[in-house]
Amino acid sequence: MSEMNRKRRLRAVPSFDLGIDPADTESDDKSRENDALHRAGRGDESAFAEFYDALSGLVYGVILRVVRDPAMSEEVAQEVFLEIWRLAPRYDRDKGSAKTWAATIAHRRAVDRVRSEESRRQRDERELETLDEPRDVVIEAIDAREESEQVRVALSLLTESQREAVTLAYYGGHTYRAVAALLDVPEGTIKTRIRDGLIRLRDHLEVTQ
């Protein structure tokens, strides 16, 4: 599949059917879609473009109904069409229409994305819980003026990357995501740096109190 086709954007579709009508009487359209997908399975990129143009609205609508977020739905739709291009050689028109096949893939991908986002959210919450205890100790120490020297000493014990992340998060007031963007580092790495840095700060401050 060419780079041009990979980057095809979803066209604006003012309205589309979110469901699949098993009694669809538009046999000509169905036949064209089936034929386009069959030819795409043999490597015909122009046929795949035809298939994309015919069903992009439907695929986007199926995904949006599950995901709810328009921007994320567009992203998932692009993934769906990449998967359809990859799986097109396996398409068997005797087992169902191309329209139903594409909608099934779209729905599965949408459900997978929702589950993935939920897992990520739960993982983030667990990580935040592990940060709560050391964070409380550190923030209390920072707020206590008589302990400001201890805090400076404790910060000096961190690695440069830990100190940079902790300083941006708790002195600069940035979120983990903002810190990751500022430092051009993956968010997971930033969370690890902050967690490890806060634990080291806590351990030092507890010893010196």
N, C-alpha and C. Protein backbone atom coordinates (compact mmCIF):
# COMPACT_ATOMS: atom_id res chain seq x y z
N MET A 1 0.86 -1.20 0.00
CA MET A 1 0.00 0.00 0.00
C MET A 1 0.88 1.24 0.00
N SER A 2 0.66 2.21 -0.92
CA SER A 2 1.52 3.37 -1.04
C SER A 2 1.37 4.28 0.15
N GLU A 3 2.40 5.12 0.35
CA GLU A 3 2.38 6.09 1.46
C GLU A 3 1.24 7.06 1.28
N MET A 4 0.94 7.40 0.01
CA MET A 4 -0.17 8.32 -0.26
C MET A 4 -1.47 7.76 0.26
N ASN A 5 -1.72 6.50 -0.01
CA ASN A 5 -2.98 5.91 0.45
C ASN A 5 -3.00 5.74 1.95
N ARG A 6 -1.84 5.51 2.58
CA ARG A 6 -1.80 5.40 4.04
C ARG A 6 -2.24 6.70 4.70
N LYS A 7 -1.96 7.80 4.04
CA LYS A 7 -2.21 9.10 4.66
C LYS A 7 -3.52 9.72 4.21
N ARG A 8 -4.32 8.97 3.52
CA ARG A 8 -5.62 9.49 3.11
C ARG A 8 -6.42 9.88 4.34
N ARG A 9 -6.98 11.06 4.34
CA ARG A 9 -7.76 11.54 5.47
C ARG A 9 -9.23 11.23 5.25
N LEU A 10 -9.94 11.05 6.34
CA LEU A 10 -11.38 10.84 6.22
C LEU A 10 -12.05 12.09 5.68
N ARG A 11 -12.83 11.92 4.67
CA ARG A 11 -13.55 13.06 4.14
C ARG A 11 -14.75 13.38 5.02
N ALA A 12 -15.13 14.67 5.02
CA ALA A 12 -16.30 15.05 5.81
C ALA A 12 -17.53 14.39 5.24
N VAL A 13 -18.26 13.73 6.10
CA VAL A 13 -19.49 13.05 5.68
C VAL A 13 -20.64 13.63 6.50
N PRO A 14 -21.54 14.40 5.89
CA PRO A 14 -22.60 15.08 6.65
C PRO A 14 -23.54 14.14 7.34
N SER A 15 -23.76 12.95 6.80
CA SER A 15 -24.66 12.01 7.43
C SER A 15 -24.30 10.63 6.97
N PHE A 16 -24.53 9.63 7.86
CA PHE A 16 -24.25 8.26 7.47
C PHE A 16 -25.06 7.33 8.35
N ASP A 17 -25.27 6.13 7.82
CA ASP A 17 -26.04 5.12 8.54
C ASP A 17 -25.12 4.41 9.52
N LEU A 18 -25.42 4.47 10.80
CA LEU A 18 -24.58 3.83 11.81
C LEU A 18 -24.84 2.35 11.92
N GLY A 19 -25.86 1.86 11.29
CA GLY A 19 -26.18 0.43 11.41
C GLY A 19 -26.02 -0.27 10.07
N ILE A 20 -26.14 -1.59 10.12
CA ILE A 20 -26.08 -2.37 8.90
C ILE A 20 -27.48 -2.93 8.62
N ASP A 21 -28.04 -2.58 7.47
CA ASP A 21 -29.38 -3.04 7.11
C ASP A 21 -29.27 -4.37 6.36
N PRO A 22 -29.70 -5.48 6.99
CA PRO A 22 -29.57 -6.78 6.33
C PRO A 22 -30.43 -6.89 5.08
N ALA A 23 -31.41 -5.99 4.96
CA ALA A 23 -32.29 -6.02 3.79
C ALA A 23 -31.90 -4.95 2.78
N ASP A 24 -30.63 -4.63 2.75
CA ASP A 24 -30.12 -3.58 1.87
C ASP A 24 -30.48 -3.90 0.42
N THR A 25 -31.21 -3.00 -0.22
CA THR A 25 -31.64 -3.24 -1.60
C THR A 25 -30.69 -2.62 -2.62
N GLU A 26 -29.67 -1.91 -2.16
CA GLU A 26 -28.74 -1.27 -3.09
C GLU A 26 -27.74 -2.31 -3.57
N SER A 27 -28.21 -3.25 -4.34
CA SER A 27 -27.38 -4.38 -4.77
C SER A 27 -26.22 -3.93 -5.65
N ASP A 28 -26.45 -2.89 -6.46
CA ASP A 28 -25.39 -2.42 -7.34
C ASP A 28 -24.21 -1.89 -6.54
N ASP A 29 -24.53 -1.06 -5.52
CA ASP A 29 -23.48 -0.53 -4.67
C ASP A 29 -22.76 -1.65 -3.94
N LYS A 30 -23.53 -2.60 -3.44
CA LYS A 30 -22.95 -3.72 -2.70
C LYS A 30 -22.02 -4.52 -3.60
N SER A 31 -22.47 -4.72 -4.81
CA SER A 31 -21.65 -5.47 -5.76
C SER A 31 -20.36 -4.74 -6.07
N ARG A 32 -20.45 -3.42 -6.22
CA ARG A 32 -19.26 -2.63 -6.50
C ARG A 32 -18.29 -2.67 -5.33
N GLU A 33 -18.83 -2.58 -4.11
CA GLU A 33 -17.98 -2.63 -2.93
C GLU A 33 -17.29 -3.98 -2.81
N ASN A 34 -18.05 -5.04 -3.03
CA ASN A 34 -17.48 -6.38 -2.96
C ASN A 34 -16.38 -6.56 -4.00
N ASP A 35 -16.66 -6.08 -5.20
CA ASP A 35 -15.70 -6.21 -6.29
C ASP A 35 -14.44 -5.38 -6.00
N ALA A 36 -14.64 -4.17 -5.47
CA ALA A 36 -13.49 -3.30 -5.16
C ALA A 36 -12.60 -3.95 -4.11
N LEU A 37 -13.20 -4.52 -3.09
CA LEU A 37 -12.41 -5.17 -2.06
C LEU A 37 -11.70 -6.40 -2.60
N HIS A 38 -12.39 -7.14 -3.46
CA HIS A 38 -11.77 -8.32 -4.06
C HIS A 38 -10.55 -7.92 -4.89
N ARG A 39 -10.67 -6.85 -5.67
CA ARG A 39 -9.54 -6.38 -6.48
C ARG A 39 -8.43 -5.81 -5.60
N ALA A 40 -8.82 -5.15 -4.49
CA ALA A 40 -7.81 -4.64 -3.56
C ALA A 40 -7.00 -5.77 -2.97
N GLY A 41 -7.67 -6.90 -2.74
CA GLY A 41 -6.97 -8.06 -2.21
C GLY A 41 -5.93 -8.61 -3.15
N ARG A 42 -6.02 -8.24 -4.43
CA ARG A 42 -5.02 -8.66 -5.41
C ARG A 42 -3.99 -7.55 -5.65
N GLY A 43 -4.02 -6.51 -4.76
CA GLY A 43 -3.01 -5.46 -4.83
C GLY A 43 -3.40 -4.24 -5.63
N ASP A 44 -4.66 -4.11 -6.01
CA ASP A 44 -5.11 -2.97 -6.80
C ASP A 44 -5.39 -1.78 -5.87
N GLU A 45 -4.48 -0.83 -5.85
CA GLU A 45 -4.62 0.31 -4.94
C GLU A 45 -5.76 1.24 -5.35
N SER A 46 -6.01 1.38 -6.64
CA SER A 46 -7.12 2.24 -7.06
C SER A 46 -8.45 1.64 -6.64
N ALA A 47 -8.53 0.31 -6.62
CA ALA A 47 -9.74 -0.36 -6.15
C ALA A 47 -9.92 -0.13 -4.66
N PHE A 48 -8.81 -0.15 -3.92
CA PHE A 48 -8.91 0.10 -2.49
C PHE A 48 -9.34 1.54 -2.22
N ALA A 49 -8.84 2.48 -3.02
CA ALA A 49 -9.26 3.88 -2.87
C ALA A 49 -10.76 4.00 -3.12
N GLU A 50 -11.26 3.28 -4.10
CA GLU A 50 -12.70 3.26 -4.39
C GLU A 50 -13.48 2.70 -3.21
N PHE A 51 -12.97 1.62 -2.64
CA PHE A 51 -13.60 1.00 -1.48
C PHE A 51 -13.60 1.97 -0.29
N TYR A 52 -12.46 2.62 -0.08
CA TYR A 52 -12.33 3.60 1.01
C TYR A 52 -13.36 4.72 0.87
N ASP A 53 -13.45 5.27 -0.32
CA ASP A 53 -14.37 6.39 -0.54
C ASP A 53 -15.82 5.96 -0.33
N ALA A 54 -16.13 4.73 -0.65
CA ALA A 54 -17.51 4.25 -0.52
C ALA A 54 -17.91 4.00 0.92
N LEU A 55 -16.96 3.54 1.75
CA LEU A 55 -17.32 3.08 3.09
C LEU A 55 -16.66 3.85 4.24
N SER A 56 -15.92 4.90 3.94
CA SER A 56 -15.24 5.64 5.03
C SER A 56 -16.25 6.23 6.01
N GLY A 57 -17.39 6.74 5.49
CA GLY A 57 -18.39 7.31 6.38
C GLY A 57 -19.01 6.27 7.30
N LEU A 58 -19.31 5.12 6.75
CA LEU A 58 -19.88 4.03 7.54
C LEU A 58 -18.92 3.58 8.63
N VAL A 59 -17.66 3.35 8.25
CA VAL A 59 -16.66 2.88 9.21
C VAL A 59 -16.47 3.90 10.33
N TYR A 60 -16.36 5.16 9.97
CA TYR A 60 -16.21 6.21 10.97
C TYR A 60 -17.42 6.25 11.91
N GLY A 61 -18.61 6.11 11.36
CA GLY A 61 -19.82 6.15 12.18
C GLY A 61 -19.90 5.01 13.16
N VAL A 62 -19.54 3.79 12.70
CA VAL A 62 -19.55 2.64 13.60
C VAL A 62 -18.58 2.87 14.76
N ILE A 63 -17.41 3.39 14.45
CA ILE A 63 -16.40 3.62 15.47
C ILE A 63 -16.83 4.73 16.43
N LEU A 64 -17.35 5.82 15.89
CA LEU A 64 -17.75 6.94 16.72
C LEU A 64 -18.83 6.55 17.72
N ARG A 65 -19.72 5.68 17.31
CA ARG A 65 -20.79 5.24 18.20
C ARG A 65 -20.22 4.52 19.43
N VAL A 66 -19.07 3.88 19.28
CA VAL A 66 -18.45 3.15 20.39
C VAL A 66 -17.47 4.03 21.16
N VAL A 67 -16.63 4.74 20.43
CA VAL A 67 -15.52 5.50 21.05
C VAL A 67 -15.99 6.84 21.60
N ARG A 68 -16.93 7.47 20.90
CA ARG A 68 -17.53 8.76 21.30
C ARG A 68 -16.64 9.98 21.01
N ASP A 69 -15.36 9.78 20.92
CA ASP A 69 -14.44 10.90 20.70
C ASP A 69 -14.15 11.03 19.20
N PRO A 70 -14.49 12.17 18.56
CA PRO A 70 -14.31 12.30 17.11
C PRO A 70 -12.86 12.14 16.65
N ALA A 71 -11.93 12.81 17.33
CA ALA A 71 -10.53 12.74 16.91
C ALA A 71 -10.00 11.31 17.04
N MET A 72 -10.31 10.66 18.15
CA MET A 72 -9.86 9.29 18.35
C MET A 72 -10.54 8.36 17.34
N SER A 73 -11.79 8.65 17.00
CA SER A 73 -12.51 7.83 16.03
C SER A 73 -11.84 7.90 14.66
N GLU A 74 -11.38 9.09 14.28
CA GLU A 74 -10.67 9.23 13.01
C GLU A 74 -9.40 8.39 13.03
N GLU A 75 -8.69 8.44 14.15
CA GLU A 75 -7.45 7.66 14.27
C GLU A 75 -7.72 6.16 14.14
N VAL A 76 -8.76 5.71 14.83
CA VAL A 76 -9.10 4.28 14.77
C VAL A 76 -9.55 3.91 13.36
N ALA A 77 -10.27 4.80 12.70
CA ALA A 77 -10.73 4.53 11.34
C ALA A 77 -9.56 4.30 10.39
N GLN A 78 -8.52 5.11 10.56
CA GLN A 78 -7.34 4.91 9.72
C GLN A 78 -6.71 3.55 9.99
N GLU A 79 -6.68 3.15 11.26
CA GLU A 79 -6.16 1.82 11.61
C GLU A 79 -7.01 0.72 10.98
N VAL A 80 -8.31 0.94 10.96
CA VAL A 80 -9.22 -0.06 10.40
C VAL A 80 -8.93 -0.25 8.91
N PHE A 81 -8.77 0.85 8.18
CA PHE A 81 -8.53 0.71 6.75
C PHE A 81 -7.17 0.11 6.44
N LEU A 82 -6.19 0.38 7.28
CA LEU A 82 -4.90 -0.29 7.12
C LEU A 82 -5.05 -1.80 7.34
N GLU A 83 -5.88 -2.16 8.34
CA GLU A 83 -6.12 -3.58 8.59
C GLU A 83 -6.90 -4.20 7.44
N ILE A 84 -7.87 -3.49 6.91
CA ILE A 84 -8.64 -4.01 5.78
C ILE A 84 -7.73 -4.24 4.57
N TRP A 85 -6.84 -3.29 4.31
CA TRP A 85 -5.90 -3.46 3.20
C TRP A 85 -5.04 -4.71 3.41
N ARG A 86 -4.60 -4.90 4.64
CA ARG A 86 -3.75 -6.06 4.96
C ARG A 86 -4.52 -7.38 4.83
N LEU A 87 -5.79 -7.35 5.23
CA LEU A 87 -6.58 -8.58 5.25
C LEU A 87 -7.39 -8.80 3.97
N ALA A 88 -7.37 -7.84 3.08
CA ALA A 88 -8.20 -7.93 1.87
C ALA A 88 -8.01 -9.24 1.10
N PRO A 89 -6.80 -9.78 1.01
CA PRO A 89 -6.66 -11.05 0.28
C PRO A 89 -7.45 -12.20 0.89
N ARG A 90 -7.82 -12.09 2.15
CA ARG A 90 -8.57 -13.15 2.82
C ARG A 90 -10.08 -12.99 2.68
N TYR A 91 -10.51 -11.87 2.14
CA TYR A 91 -11.94 -11.62 2.05
C TYR A 91 -12.62 -12.65 1.16
N ASP A 92 -13.70 -13.23 1.65
CA ASP A 92 -14.48 -14.21 0.91
C ASP A 92 -15.89 -13.65 0.73
N ARG A 93 -16.20 -13.24 -0.47
CA ARG A 93 -17.50 -12.60 -0.72
C ARG A 93 -18.67 -13.56 -0.48
N ASP A 94 -18.42 -14.85 -0.47
CA ASP A 94 -19.49 -15.83 -0.22
C ASP A 94 -19.92 -15.85 1.25
N LYS A 95 -19.09 -15.27 2.13
CA LYS A 95 -19.39 -15.29 3.56
C LYS A 95 -20.03 -14.00 4.06
N GLY A 96 -20.23 -13.04 3.17
CA GLY A 96 -20.85 -11.79 3.58
C GLY A 96 -20.38 -10.64 2.73
N SER A 97 -21.12 -9.54 2.80
CA SER A 97 -20.77 -8.38 1.98
C SER A 97 -19.53 -7.69 2.54
N ALA A 98 -18.87 -6.95 1.66
CA ALA A 98 -17.70 -6.17 2.07
C ALA A 98 -18.09 -5.13 3.10
N LYS A 99 -19.30 -4.60 2.97
CA LYS A 99 -19.78 -3.58 3.89
C LYS A 99 -19.89 -4.15 5.31
N THR A 100 -20.49 -5.32 5.43
CA THR A 100 -20.62 -5.95 6.74
C THR A 100 -19.27 -6.33 7.30
N TRP A 101 -18.39 -6.83 6.44
CA TRP A 101 -17.04 -7.24 6.85
C TRP A 101 -16.27 -6.05 7.41
N ALA A 102 -16.34 -4.91 6.70
CA ALA A 102 -15.63 -3.70 7.14
C ALA A 102 -16.22 -3.18 8.46
N ALA A 103 -17.56 -3.20 8.57
CA ALA A 103 -18.20 -2.72 9.80
C ALA A 103 -17.84 -3.60 10.98
N THR A 104 -17.70 -4.89 10.76
CA THR A 104 -17.32 -5.81 11.84
C THR A 104 -15.92 -5.51 12.33
N ILE A 105 -15.00 -5.30 11.40
CA ILE A 105 -13.63 -4.96 11.78
C ILE A 105 -13.60 -3.63 12.52
N ALA A 106 -14.38 -2.66 12.03
CA ALA A 106 -14.42 -1.33 12.66
C ALA A 106 -14.94 -1.43 14.10
N HIS A 107 -15.99 -2.19 14.29
CA HIS A 107 -16.56 -2.33 15.63
C HIS A 107 -15.56 -3.02 16.57
N ARG A 108 -14.89 -4.04 16.10
CA ARG A 108 -13.92 -4.74 16.93
C ARG A 108 -12.77 -3.82 17.33
N ARG A 109 -12.27 -3.07 16.36
CA ARG A 109 -11.19 -2.13 16.65
C ARG A 109 -11.62 -1.05 17.64
N ALA A 110 -12.84 -0.57 17.49
CA ALA A 110 -13.35 0.46 18.39
C ALA A 110 -13.45 -0.06 19.82
N VAL A 111 -13.97 -1.26 19.97
CA VAL A 111 -14.07 -1.86 21.30
C VAL A 111 -12.69 -2.06 21.90
N ASP A 112 -11.74 -2.52 21.08
CA ASP A 112 -10.37 -2.70 21.57
C ASP A 112 -9.78 -1.38 22.05
N ARG A 113 -10.05 -0.29 21.32
CA ARG A 113 -9.50 1.00 21.72
C ARG A 113 -10.11 1.47 23.03
N VAL A 114 -11.42 1.29 23.20
CA VAL A 114 -12.06 1.69 24.46
C VAL A 114 -11.47 0.90 25.62
N ARG A 115 -11.30 -0.39 25.44
CA ARG A 115 -10.71 -1.22 26.49
C ARG A 115 -9.28 -0.81 26.79
N SER A 116 -8.53 -0.49 25.75
CA SER A 116 -7.14 -0.06 25.92
C SER A 116 -7.07 1.25 26.70
N GLU A 117 -7.94 2.19 26.35
CA GLU A 117 -7.95 3.48 27.05
C GLU A 117 -8.35 3.30 28.51
N GLU A 118 -9.30 2.41 28.76
CA GLU A 118 -9.71 2.16 30.14
C GLU A 118 -8.57 1.52 30.93
N SER A 119 -7.86 0.59 30.32
CA SER A 119 -6.72 -0.04 30.99
C SER A 119 -5.64 0.99 31.29
N ARG A 120 -5.41 1.89 30.32
CA ARG A 120 -4.40 2.94 30.53
C ARG A 120 -4.81 3.85 31.68
N ARG A 121 -6.11 4.20 31.74
CA ARG A 121 -6.58 5.08 32.81
C ARG A 121 -6.40 4.41 34.17
N GLN A 122 -6.75 3.13 34.25
CA GLN A 122 -6.60 2.41 35.51
C GLN A 122 -5.13 2.29 35.91
N ARG A 123 -4.27 2.06 34.92
CA ARG A 123 -2.83 1.97 35.18
C ARG A 123 -2.30 3.31 35.70
N ASP A 124 -2.75 4.41 35.08
CA ASP A 124 -2.32 5.73 35.53
C ASP A 124 -2.77 5.99 36.96
N GLU A 125 -4.01 5.57 37.28
CA GLU A 125 -4.51 5.77 38.64
C GLU A 125 -3.68 4.98 39.66
N ARG A 126 -3.31 3.76 39.28
CA ARG A 126 -2.47 2.96 40.19
C ARG A 126 -1.11 3.61 40.38
N GLU A 127 -0.55 4.14 39.30
CA GLU A 127 0.75 4.80 39.41
C GLU A 127 0.66 6.05 40.27
N LEU A 128 -0.44 6.78 40.12
CA LEU A 128 -0.61 7.97 40.94
C LEU A 128 -0.73 7.61 42.42
N GLU A 129 -1.40 6.49 42.70
CA GLU A 129 -1.51 6.06 44.09
C GLU A 129 -0.15 5.75 44.69
N THR A 130 0.76 5.18 43.89
CA THR A 130 2.10 4.88 44.41
C THR A 130 2.89 6.14 44.66
N LEU A 131 2.47 7.25 44.03
CA LEU A 131 3.18 8.51 44.22
C LEU A 131 2.65 9.31 45.41
N ASP A 132 1.46 8.99 45.86
CA ASP A 132 0.82 9.82 46.88
C ASP A 132 1.65 9.96 48.14
N GLU A 133 2.14 8.84 48.68
CA GLU A 133 2.85 8.90 49.96
C GLU A 133 4.12 9.73 49.88
N PRO A 134 5.04 9.42 48.97
CA PRO A 134 6.24 10.24 48.90
C PRO A 134 5.93 11.69 48.54
N ARG A 135 4.90 11.91 47.72
CA ARG A 135 4.55 13.27 47.33
C ARG A 135 4.13 14.07 48.56
N ASP A 136 3.30 13.49 49.41
CA ASP A 136 2.85 14.20 50.61
C ASP A 136 4.02 14.62 51.48
N VAL A 137 4.96 13.72 51.66
CA VAL A 137 6.12 14.03 52.50
C VAL A 137 6.92 15.16 51.91
N VAL A 138 7.15 15.10 50.59
CA VAL A 138 7.95 16.11 49.92
C VAL A 138 7.27 17.47 49.94
N ILE A 139 5.98 17.49 49.62
CA ILE A 139 5.28 18.77 49.58
C ILE A 139 5.23 19.41 50.97
N GLU A 140 4.99 18.62 51.99
CA GLU A 140 5.00 19.16 53.35
C GLU A 140 6.35 19.76 53.68
N ALA A 141 7.40 19.10 53.26
CA ALA A 141 8.74 19.60 53.55
C ALA A 141 9.02 20.89 52.80
N ILE A 142 8.57 20.94 51.54
CA ILE A 142 8.78 22.15 50.74
C ILE A 142 8.03 23.33 51.34
N ASP A 143 6.84 23.06 51.87
CA ASP A 143 6.03 24.13 52.45
C ASP A 143 6.59 24.62 53.78
N ALA A 144 7.41 23.84 54.43
CA ALA A 144 7.97 24.23 55.73
C ALA A 144 9.27 24.98 55.51
N ARG A 145 9.31 26.25 55.80
CA ARG A 145 10.49 27.06 55.51
C ARG A 145 11.73 26.59 56.24
N GLU A 146 11.56 26.12 57.48
CA GLU A 146 12.72 25.71 58.24
C GLU A 146 13.39 24.48 57.64
N GLU A 147 12.68 23.79 56.71
CA GLU A 147 13.25 22.59 56.11
C GLU A 147 13.71 22.84 54.68
N SER A 148 13.72 24.10 54.24
CA SER A 148 14.06 24.40 52.86
C SER A 148 15.47 23.95 52.51
N GLU A 149 16.40 24.07 53.45
CA GLU A 149 17.77 23.64 53.18
C GLU A 149 17.83 22.13 53.01
N GLN A 150 17.06 21.41 53.81
CA GLN A 150 17.02 19.96 53.68
C GLN A 150 16.48 19.55 52.31
N VAL A 151 15.48 20.29 51.85
CA VAL A 151 14.91 19.99 50.54
C VAL A 151 15.93 20.23 49.44
N ARG A 152 16.67 21.33 49.53
CA ARG A 152 17.69 21.61 48.52
C ARG A 152 18.75 20.53 48.51
N VAL A 153 19.16 20.09 49.70
CA VAL A 153 20.14 19.02 49.77
C VAL A 153 19.57 17.74 49.17
N ALA A 154 18.32 17.45 49.51
CA ALA A 154 17.70 16.23 48.99
C ALA A 154 17.60 16.27 47.47
N LEU A 155 17.23 17.42 46.93
CA LEU A 155 17.13 17.54 45.48
C LEU A 155 18.49 17.32 44.80
N SER A 156 19.55 17.76 45.47
CA SER A 156 20.89 17.60 44.89
C SER A 156 21.30 16.13 44.81
N LEU A 157 20.63 15.27 45.56
CA LEU A 157 20.97 13.85 45.55
C LEU A 157 20.32 13.11 44.39
N LEU A 158 19.36 13.74 43.74
CA LEU A 158 18.68 13.09 42.62
C LEU A 158 19.56 13.13 41.37
N THR A 159 19.27 12.24 40.45
CA THR A 159 19.93 12.33 39.16
C THR A 159 19.41 13.58 38.46
N GLU A 160 20.14 14.02 37.45
CA GLU A 160 19.74 15.24 36.76
C GLU A 160 18.35 15.09 36.14
N SER A 161 18.08 13.92 35.55
CA SER A 161 16.78 13.72 34.90
C SER A 161 15.65 13.67 35.93
N GLN A 162 15.91 13.05 37.09
CA GLN A 162 14.89 13.01 38.15
C GLN A 162 14.62 14.41 38.68
N ARG A 163 15.69 15.15 38.94
CA ARG A 163 15.54 16.49 39.50
C ARG A 163 14.79 17.39 38.53
N GLU A 164 15.10 17.28 37.24
CA GLU A 164 14.43 18.10 36.23
C GLU A 164 12.94 17.80 36.19
N ALA A 165 12.58 16.52 36.21
CA ALA A 165 11.17 16.14 36.14
C ALA A 165 10.42 16.55 37.40
N VAL A 166 11.01 16.31 38.57
CA VAL A 166 10.36 16.66 39.84
C VAL A 166 10.18 18.16 39.94
N THR A 167 11.19 18.92 39.55
CA THR A 167 11.13 20.38 39.64
C THR A 167 10.01 20.93 38.75
N LEU A 168 9.92 20.41 37.52
CA LEU A 168 8.87 20.89 36.62
C LEU A 168 7.49 20.52 37.15
N ALA A 169 7.37 19.33 37.74
CA ALA A 169 6.05 18.87 38.20
C ALA A 169 5.61 19.59 39.47
N TYR A 170 6.51 19.74 40.45
CA TYR A 170 6.08 20.22 41.76
C TYR A 170 6.48 21.65 42.08
N TYR A 171 7.46 22.17 41.37
CA TYR A 171 7.74 23.60 41.49
C TYR A 171 7.08 24.37 40.35
N GLY A 172 7.09 23.75 39.18
CA GLY A 172 6.50 24.41 38.02
C GLY A 172 5.01 24.19 37.89
N GLY A 173 4.47 23.20 38.62
CA GLY A 173 3.04 22.95 38.60
C GLY A 173 2.54 22.29 37.33
N HIS A 174 3.42 21.63 36.58
CA HIS A 174 3.02 20.98 35.33
C HIS A 174 2.50 19.57 35.58
N THR A 175 1.60 19.12 34.73
CA THR A 175 1.13 17.74 34.78
C THR A 175 2.22 16.83 34.22
N TYR A 176 2.06 15.52 34.45
CA TYR A 176 3.02 14.57 33.90
C TYR A 176 3.08 14.68 32.38
N ARG A 177 1.92 14.82 31.76
CA ARG A 177 1.88 14.92 30.31
C ARG A 177 2.59 16.17 29.82
N ALA A 178 2.40 17.29 30.54
CA ALA A 178 3.07 18.53 30.15
C ALA A 178 4.58 18.41 30.33
N VAL A 179 5.01 17.78 31.41
CA VAL A 179 6.44 17.58 31.63
C VAL A 179 7.02 16.73 30.51
N ALA A 180 6.31 15.68 30.13
CA ALA A 180 6.78 14.81 29.05
C ALA A 180 6.92 15.61 27.75
N ALA A 181 5.97 16.49 27.48
CA ALA A 181 6.02 17.29 26.26
C ALA A 181 7.18 18.29 26.31
N LEU A 182 7.37 18.91 27.47
CA LEU A 182 8.44 19.90 27.62
C LEU A 182 9.82 19.28 27.45
N LEU A 183 9.98 18.05 27.95
CA LEU A 183 11.28 17.38 27.89
C LEU A 183 11.40 16.46 26.68
N ASP A 184 10.31 16.33 25.92
CA ASP A 184 10.31 15.46 24.75
C ASP A 184 10.71 14.03 25.13
N VAL A 185 10.05 13.54 26.19
CA VAL A 185 10.32 12.20 26.73
C VAL A 185 8.97 11.51 26.89
N PRO A 186 8.89 10.19 26.66
CA PRO A 186 7.61 9.49 26.85
C PRO A 186 7.03 9.69 28.24
N GLU A 187 5.70 9.79 28.30
CA GLU A 187 5.04 10.06 29.57
C GLU A 187 5.33 8.99 30.61
N GLY A 188 5.41 7.74 30.18
CA GLY A 188 5.73 6.66 31.12
C GLY A 188 7.09 6.84 31.75
N THR A 189 8.07 7.31 30.97
CA THR A 189 9.42 7.57 31.49
C THR A 189 9.40 8.69 32.51
N ILE A 190 8.62 9.73 32.21
CA ILE A 190 8.52 10.86 33.15
C ILE A 190 7.92 10.40 34.47
N LYS A 191 6.88 9.59 34.42
CA LYS A 191 6.26 9.10 35.64
C LYS A 191 7.25 8.29 36.47
N THR A 192 8.05 7.49 35.80
CA THR A 192 9.05 6.69 36.51
C THR A 192 10.09 7.59 37.17
N ARG A 193 10.56 8.60 36.44
CA ARG A 193 11.54 9.53 37.00
C ARG A 193 10.99 10.26 38.22
N ILE A 194 9.75 10.73 38.11
CA ILE A 194 9.15 11.46 39.22
C ILE A 194 8.93 10.54 40.41
N ARG A 195 8.43 9.34 40.15
CA ARG A 195 8.20 8.38 41.24
C ARG A 195 9.50 8.05 41.96
N ASP A 196 10.53 7.71 41.19
CA ASP A 196 11.81 7.35 41.80
C ASP A 196 12.43 8.55 42.52
N GLY A 197 12.27 9.73 41.91
CA GLY A 197 12.82 10.93 42.55
C GLY A 197 12.12 11.25 43.85
N LEU A 198 10.80 11.14 43.87
CA LEU A 198 10.05 11.43 45.09
C LEU A 198 10.36 10.42 46.19
N ILE A 199 10.56 9.18 45.81
CA ILE A 199 10.91 8.17 46.82
C ILE A 199 12.27 8.49 47.44
N ARG A 200 13.22 8.90 46.62
CA ARG A 200 14.54 9.26 47.15
C ARG A 200 14.45 10.49 48.04
N LEU A 201 13.64 11.47 47.63
CA LEU A 201 13.44 12.67 48.46
C LEU A 201 12.81 12.29 49.80
N ARG A 202 11.79 11.45 49.74
CA ARG A 202 11.11 11.03 50.97
C ARG A 202 12.08 10.33 51.91
N ASP A 203 12.85 9.40 51.35
CA ASP A 203 13.78 8.65 52.18
C ASP A 203 14.79 9.57 52.85
N HIS A 204 15.30 10.55 52.10
CA HIS A 204 16.28 11.47 52.68
C HIS A 204 15.65 12.36 53.74
N LEU A 205 14.46 12.89 53.45
CA LEU A 205 13.82 13.79 54.38
C LEU A 205 13.41 13.08 55.66
N GLU A 206 12.98 11.82 55.56
CA GLU A 206 12.60 11.06 56.75
C GLU A 206 13.81 10.81 57.64
N VAL A 207 14.97 10.61 57.02
CA VAL A 207 16.19 10.36 57.80
C VAL A 207 16.66 11.61 58.51
N THR A 208 16.50 12.76 57.85
CA THR A 208 17.03 14.01 58.41
C THR A 208 16.06 14.71 59.33
N GLN A 209 14.81 14.23 59.39
CA GLN A 209 13.84 14.90 60.28
C GLN A 209 14.06 14.52 61.72
